[in-house]
Amino acid sequence: MKISVIGTGNLGSEIAFILAQKGLGDIVLLDINKELAEGHQMDIEHASSGISYGGTVTSASSSEEIAESDLVIVTAGVPRQPGMSREDLLAGNAAILKSICVDIKKNAPDSIVLVTTNPSDLMLMLALQETGFPSKRVLGLGNLLDSYRLRSLISTETGKNLNEVEAIILGQHGDRMLPVLSSCKVSGKPLSDILDADKIGEIFERTKSVASELISKKGATVFGPAVATVELAESIVKDLKKELPVITLLNGEYGLSEVCMGVTGILGKSGLESISELDLSDSEKKTLQETSDFLKNKFSEI
């Protein structure tokens, strides 16, 4: 299995290291800064004995090196700075992603593409447009990470171990994310049986802002998105067929079409094998419709 990581900054390098830790395949590190990619290659190679990694790590600045990749993970782009929204990155990262998509289409036409670049919902719509790949092979990170964060906040509030907490977020990877109340459970019990509506509302709102808080403290989100990206990648590479939150193109699901946003689905060796529709309340369905309208309008600005 050949996995190429495009962009080897904080997130890309962390993703590459976790891929190596899990032994998911041979890794190509592609970056316009070849010395940076080489440095990360050396660092992973030096750690390989300690993590029992038997694959190869290659650094490159030429997109030809991603040829015959089975999976391409795109992290390249301008990261969020304190005070910025994900949408503030739209124009700059769209230009970067367009160029990358040309390279992927030329050099790795049969690959599955996983996009982490923000704003990820809109970048995924752009990646689909620019590559022309089937939607099941072009996926985005977003609501899995948001679901991690929601689970963490619920765990903290209830004092329960994370392993006892379930929670799913759909919709936009941003302020319009939709925490699905019926999916939130602690030790198998509905969250609404444990916390009152006001407290649940506070947790849901904090989930929307917690990434900005993190960025203001350490400058970037790294470990969470890296682990989430590799969880998606591992289900694909190992054909685990795990049901996970992932950003994809909708084609009638939830009554929505021609828009990319976070849903849940089965991930296997062919990419997204199916989408699972959750039972939503009328207000939750309305939120998804409003999010769809917002994303389509923003995409028209590219």
Protein backbone atom coordinates (compact mmCIF):
# COMPACT_ATOMS: atom_id res chain seq x y z
CA MET A 1 0.00 0.00 0.00
CA LYS A 2 1.42 3.37 -1.04
CA ILE A 3 0.22 6.41 0.89
CA SER A 4 1.23 9.92 -0.14
CA VAL A 5 0.93 12.85 2.23
CA ILE A 6 0.87 16.20 0.44
CA GLY A 7 1.97 18.96 2.78
CA THR A 8 4.37 18.10 5.61
CA GLY A 9 3.78 20.87 8.11
CA ASN A 10 2.62 20.18 11.66
CA LEU A 11 -0.41 18.16 10.62
CA GLY A 12 1.03 16.33 7.62
CA SER A 13 4.12 15.21 9.50
CA GLU A 14 2.08 13.99 12.47
CA ILE A 15 -0.23 12.06 10.15
CA ALA A 16 2.78 10.46 8.47
CA PHE A 17 4.26 9.42 11.80
CA ILE A 18 1.01 7.81 12.98
CA LEU A 19 0.69 6.03 9.63
CA ALA A 20 4.16 4.60 10.25
CA GLN A 21 3.33 3.68 13.85
CA LYS A 22 0.37 1.68 12.59
CA GLY A 23 2.36 0.16 9.72
CA LEU A 24 -0.26 1.10 7.16
CA GLY A 25 2.03 1.22 4.14
CA ASP A 26 4.93 2.88 2.36
CA ILE A 27 4.82 6.64 2.81
CA VAL A 28 5.67 9.48 0.44
CA LEU A 29 6.12 12.93 1.98
CA LEU A 30 5.53 15.61 -0.67
CA ASP A 31 6.19 19.27 0.06
CA ILE A 32 7.36 22.31 -1.88
CA ASN A 33 9.92 22.66 0.91
CA LYS A 34 12.03 19.60 0.09
CA GLU A 35 14.31 20.02 3.09
CA LEU A 36 11.33 19.99 5.43
CA ALA A 37 10.06 16.78 3.83
CA GLU A 38 13.56 15.27 4.04
CA GLY A 39 13.78 16.20 7.70
CA HIS A 40 10.52 14.46 8.50
CA GLN A 41 11.62 11.44 6.45
CA MET A 42 14.80 11.17 8.51
CA ASP A 43 12.93 11.64 11.77
CA ILE A 44 10.46 8.84 11.00
CA GLU A 45 13.24 6.56 9.78
CA HIS A 46 15.16 7.13 13.01
CA ALA A 47 12.05 6.18 14.99
CA SER A 48 11.24 3.15 12.85
CA SER A 49 13.07 0.60 14.96
CA GLY A 50 11.26 1.74 18.07
CA ILE A 51 7.84 1.48 16.44
CA SER A 52 8.62 -1.69 14.44
CA TYR A 53 7.87 0.05 11.14
CA GLY A 54 9.07 -2.03 8.21
CA GLY A 55 7.89 0.17 5.36
CA THR A 56 9.71 2.84 3.41
CA VAL A 57 9.52 6.62 3.76
CA THR A 58 10.33 8.82 0.76
CA SER A 59 10.55 12.60 0.62
CA ALA A 60 9.88 14.55 -2.54
CA SER A 61 9.16 17.98 -3.97
CA SER A 62 7.99 16.65 -7.35
CA SER A 63 4.40 15.43 -7.69
CA GLU A 64 5.58 12.63 -9.96
CA GLU A 65 6.63 10.78 -6.80
CA ILE A 66 2.99 10.18 -5.84
CA ALA A 67 2.49 7.99 -8.92
CA GLU A 68 0.55 4.78 -8.26
CA SER A 69 -0.48 5.91 -4.78
CA ASP A 70 -3.39 3.97 -3.33
CA LEU A 71 -4.26 6.77 -0.93
CA VAL A 72 -3.40 10.47 -1.14
CA ILE A 73 -3.85 12.60 1.98
CA VAL A 74 -3.94 16.34 1.28
CA THR A 75 -2.99 18.59 4.19
CA ALA A 76 -1.34 21.40 2.22
CA GLY A 77 -2.71 24.87 2.66
CA VAL A 78 -2.67 27.92 4.87
CA PRO A 79 -3.55 26.93 8.46
CA ARG A 80 -5.95 28.83 10.69
CA GLN A 81 -4.49 31.59 12.80
CA PRO A 82 -5.95 32.86 16.08
CA GLY A 83 -9.15 34.80 15.40
CA MET A 84 -9.70 33.28 11.95
CA SER A 85 -12.66 31.19 10.84
CA ARG A 86 -12.19 28.26 8.48
CA GLU A 87 -14.01 30.23 5.77
CA ASP A 88 -11.34 32.95 5.99
CA LEU A 89 -8.99 30.44 4.33
CA LEU A 90 -11.23 29.84 1.32
CA ALA A 91 -9.60 31.89 -1.44
CA GLY A 92 -5.99 31.08 -0.64
CA ASN A 93 -6.47 27.38 -0.05
CA ALA A 94 -8.71 26.98 -3.10
CA ALA A 95 -5.85 28.09 -5.34
CA ILE A 96 -3.46 25.67 -3.63
CA LEU A 97 -5.88 22.76 -3.84
CA LYS A 98 -6.65 23.32 -7.51
CA SER A 99 -2.97 22.89 -8.34
CA ILE A 100 -2.69 19.79 -6.17
CA CYS A 101 -5.74 18.22 -7.80
CA VAL A 102 -4.15 18.62 -11.23
CA ASP A 103 -1.13 16.69 -9.94
CA ILE A 104 -3.24 13.96 -8.35
CA LYS A 105 -5.36 13.50 -11.47
CA LYS A 106 -2.23 13.21 -13.60
CA ASN A 107 -0.06 11.04 -11.36
CA ALA A 108 -2.45 9.04 -9.17
CA PRO A 109 -5.70 8.72 -11.13
CA ASP A 110 -6.82 5.56 -9.33
CA SER A 111 -6.16 6.78 -5.81
CA ILE A 112 -8.54 7.51 -2.97
CA VAL A 113 -8.14 11.13 -1.89
CA LEU A 114 -8.59 12.31 1.68
CA VAL A 115 -8.68 16.09 2.12
CA THR A 116 -7.97 17.79 5.45
CA THR A 117 -7.39 21.31 4.11
CA ASN A 118 -9.83 23.88 5.50
CA PRO A 119 -12.57 24.84 4.93
CA SER A 120 -12.85 21.11 4.32
CA ASP A 121 -16.48 20.91 3.15
CA LEU A 122 -15.82 23.48 0.43
CA MET A 123 -12.38 22.11 -0.40
CA LEU A 124 -13.94 18.70 -0.94
CA MET A 125 -16.45 20.16 -3.40
CA LEU A 126 -13.53 21.75 -5.22
CA ALA A 127 -11.48 18.53 -5.20
CA LEU A 128 -14.37 16.61 -6.73
CA GLN A 129 -14.76 19.25 -9.41
CA GLU A 130 -11.07 19.42 -10.25
CA THR A 131 -10.22 15.70 -10.19
CA GLY A 132 -13.44 14.37 -11.70
CA PHE A 133 -13.02 11.28 -9.50
CA PRO A 134 -16.07 9.34 -8.25
CA SER A 135 -17.34 10.82 -5.00
CA LYS A 136 -16.70 7.61 -3.08
CA ARG A 137 -12.97 8.15 -3.71
CA VAL A 138 -12.78 11.81 -2.63
CA LEU A 139 -13.47 12.27 1.07
CA GLY A 140 -12.87 14.87 3.73
CA LEU A 141 -11.91 15.14 7.37
CA GLY A 142 -14.15 17.22 9.57
CA ASN A 143 -17.05 15.79 11.49
CA LEU A 144 -15.10 12.82 12.84
CA LEU A 145 -12.79 15.31 14.54
CA ASP A 146 -15.78 17.35 15.72
CA SER A 147 -17.30 14.15 17.14
CA TYR A 148 -14.05 13.47 19.02
CA ARG A 149 -14.26 16.93 20.56
CA LEU A 150 -17.89 16.53 21.54
CA ARG A 151 -17.16 13.18 23.18
CA SER A 152 -14.30 14.75 25.11
CA LEU A 153 -16.49 17.56 26.43
CA ILE A 154 -19.28 15.17 27.41
CA SER A 155 -16.74 12.96 29.19
CA THR A 156 -15.39 15.93 31.13
CA GLU A 157 -18.86 17.16 32.11
CA THR A 158 -20.19 13.76 33.21
CA GLY A 159 -16.97 12.41 34.70
CA LYS A 160 -17.31 9.25 32.63
CA ASN A 161 -14.52 7.54 30.71
CA LEU A 162 -14.36 8.45 27.02
CA ASN A 163 -14.89 4.81 26.13
CA GLU A 164 -18.37 5.08 27.63
CA VAL A 165 -19.34 8.14 25.57
CA GLU A 166 -20.96 8.08 22.13
CA ALA A 167 -21.62 11.18 20.02
CA ILE A 168 -21.93 12.03 16.34
CA ILE A 169 -21.75 15.37 14.58
CA LEU A 170 -23.10 15.88 11.05
CA GLY A 171 -23.09 18.83 8.69
CA GLN A 172 -20.46 21.50 8.29
CA HIS A 173 -17.00 21.36 9.81
CA GLY A 174 -17.53 24.79 11.30
CA ASP A 175 -20.03 26.95 13.16
CA ARG A 176 -22.96 25.21 11.47
CA MET A 177 -22.01 21.74 12.67
CA LEU A 178 -24.92 19.62 13.87
CA PRO A 179 -24.47 17.57 17.05
CA VAL A 180 -27.13 14.85 16.81
CA LEU A 181 -28.75 14.66 20.24
CA SER A 182 -30.12 11.15 19.76
CA SER A 183 -26.58 9.89 19.08
CA CYS A 184 -25.23 11.23 22.37
CA LYS A 185 -25.10 8.50 25.00
CA VAL A 186 -23.15 7.84 28.18
CA SER A 187 -22.82 4.24 29.35
CA GLY A 188 -25.63 3.41 26.94
CA LYS A 189 -28.00 5.99 28.41
CA PRO A 190 -29.28 8.99 26.42
CA LEU A 191 -27.40 12.15 27.33
CA SER A 192 -30.76 13.87 27.78
CA ASP A 193 -31.44 11.51 30.71
CA ILE A 194 -28.22 12.59 32.40
CA LEU A 195 -27.87 16.33 31.73
CA ASP A 196 -30.51 19.02 31.40
CA ALA A 197 -31.20 20.76 28.09
CA ASP A 198 -29.34 23.95 29.04
CA LYS A 199 -26.16 22.08 29.94
CA ILE A 200 -26.35 20.01 26.75
CA GLY A 201 -26.78 23.22 24.77
CA GLU A 202 -23.69 24.68 26.44
CA ILE A 203 -21.66 21.61 25.51
CA PHE A 204 -22.88 21.73 21.91
CA GLU A 205 -21.94 25.43 21.63
CA ARG A 206 -18.53 24.85 23.20
CA THR A 207 -17.86 22.12 20.65
CA LYS A 208 -18.18 24.75 17.93
CA SER A 209 -15.64 27.09 19.52
CA VAL A 210 -13.17 24.77 21.20
CA ALA A 211 -10.86 24.54 18.17
CA SER A 212 -10.49 28.33 18.14
CA GLU A 213 -9.68 28.21 21.85
CA LEU A 214 -7.03 25.56 21.23
CA ILE A 215 -5.48 27.56 18.38
CA SER A 216 -5.29 30.66 20.58
CA LYS A 217 -3.29 28.66 23.12
CA LYS A 218 -0.86 26.58 21.01
CA GLY A 219 -1.18 28.02 17.51
CA ALA A 220 -2.56 24.97 15.70
CA THR A 221 -4.66 21.85 16.07
CA VAL A 222 -2.48 18.82 15.38
CA PHE A 223 -2.99 15.64 17.39
CA GLY A 224 -6.78 15.48 17.10
CA PRO A 225 -6.98 15.98 13.32
CA ALA A 226 -4.00 13.69 12.77
CA VAL A 227 -5.54 10.82 14.73
CA ALA A 228 -8.91 11.34 13.04
CA THR A 229 -7.34 11.36 9.59
CA VAL A 230 -5.49 8.13 10.28
CA GLU A 231 -8.64 6.48 11.65
CA LEU A 232 -10.31 7.17 8.30
CA ALA A 233 -7.21 6.03 6.41
CA GLU A 234 -6.88 2.83 8.42
CA SER A 235 -10.46 1.79 7.71
CA ILE A 236 -9.77 2.27 4.01
CA VAL A 237 -6.35 0.62 3.90
CA LYS A 238 -7.34 -2.39 6.01
CA ASP A 239 -10.85 -2.63 4.52
CA LEU A 240 -12.27 -2.49 8.04
CA LYS A 241 -15.68 -1.27 6.87
CA LYS A 242 -16.01 0.90 9.96
CA GLU A 243 -18.96 3.26 10.17
CA LEU A 244 -17.42 6.69 10.68
CA PRO A 245 -18.34 10.34 10.28
CA VAL A 246 -16.79 11.65 7.05
CA ILE A 247 -17.34 14.51 4.62
CA THR A 248 -18.67 13.40 1.24
CA LEU A 249 -20.89 14.45 -1.64
CA LEU A 250 -24.59 13.96 -0.96
CA ASN A 251 -26.86 12.56 -3.63
CA GLY A 252 -30.33 12.63 -2.13
CA GLU A 253 -29.37 11.66 1.42
CA TYR A 254 -31.30 13.75 3.95
CA GLY A 255 -33.05 15.28 0.94
CA LEU A 256 -29.85 17.08 -0.09
CA SER A 257 -27.83 16.95 -3.31
CA GLU A 258 -24.80 18.54 -4.96
CA VAL A 259 -23.23 19.56 -1.68
CA CYS A 260 -20.46 18.11 0.48
CA MET A 261 -20.90 17.85 4.23
CA GLY A 262 -20.34 15.48 7.09
CA VAL A 263 -22.42 12.31 7.35
CA THR A 264 -21.77 8.79 8.59
CA GLY A 265 -20.80 5.96 6.29
CA ILE A 266 -18.94 2.70 5.80
CA LEU A 267 -15.29 3.06 4.80
CA GLY A 268 -13.47 0.23 3.05
CA LYS A 269 -10.89 -0.48 0.37
CA SER A 270 -12.95 1.19 -2.37
CA GLY A 271 -13.48 4.34 -0.31
CA LEU A 272 -16.91 5.29 0.99
CA GLU A 273 -18.98 2.17 0.38
CA SER A 274 -22.30 3.48 1.68
CA ILE A 275 -23.87 6.38 3.57
CA SER A 276 -25.90 5.75 6.72
CA GLU A 277 -28.79 8.14 7.34
CA LEU A 278 -29.51 8.87 10.98
CA ASP A 279 -33.03 9.47 12.25
CA LEU A 280 -33.10 13.25 12.70
CA SER A 281 -35.62 15.57 14.28
CA ASP A 282 -37.35 18.19 12.14
CA SER A 283 -35.14 20.93 13.58
CA GLU A 284 -32.01 18.90 12.82
CA LYS A 285 -33.17 18.34 9.24
CA LYS A 286 -33.77 22.09 8.93
CA THR A 287 -30.24 22.79 10.14
CA LEU A 288 -28.78 20.51 7.47
CA GLN A 289 -30.87 22.22 4.78
CA GLU A 290 -29.68 25.65 5.93
CA THR A 291 -26.10 24.38 5.98
CA SER A 292 -26.48 23.06 2.45
CA ASP A 293 -27.73 26.45 1.26
CA PHE A 294 -24.84 28.20 3.00
CA LEU A 295 -22.17 25.90 1.56
CA LYS A 296 -23.52 26.13 -1.98
CA ASN A 297 -23.53 29.91 -1.73
CA LYS A 298 -19.95 30.00 -0.40
CA PHE A 299 -18.76 27.59 -3.09
CA SER A 300 -20.08 29.94 -5.76
CA GLU A 301 -17.53 32.49 -4.52
CA ILE A 302 -14.57 30.34 -5.55
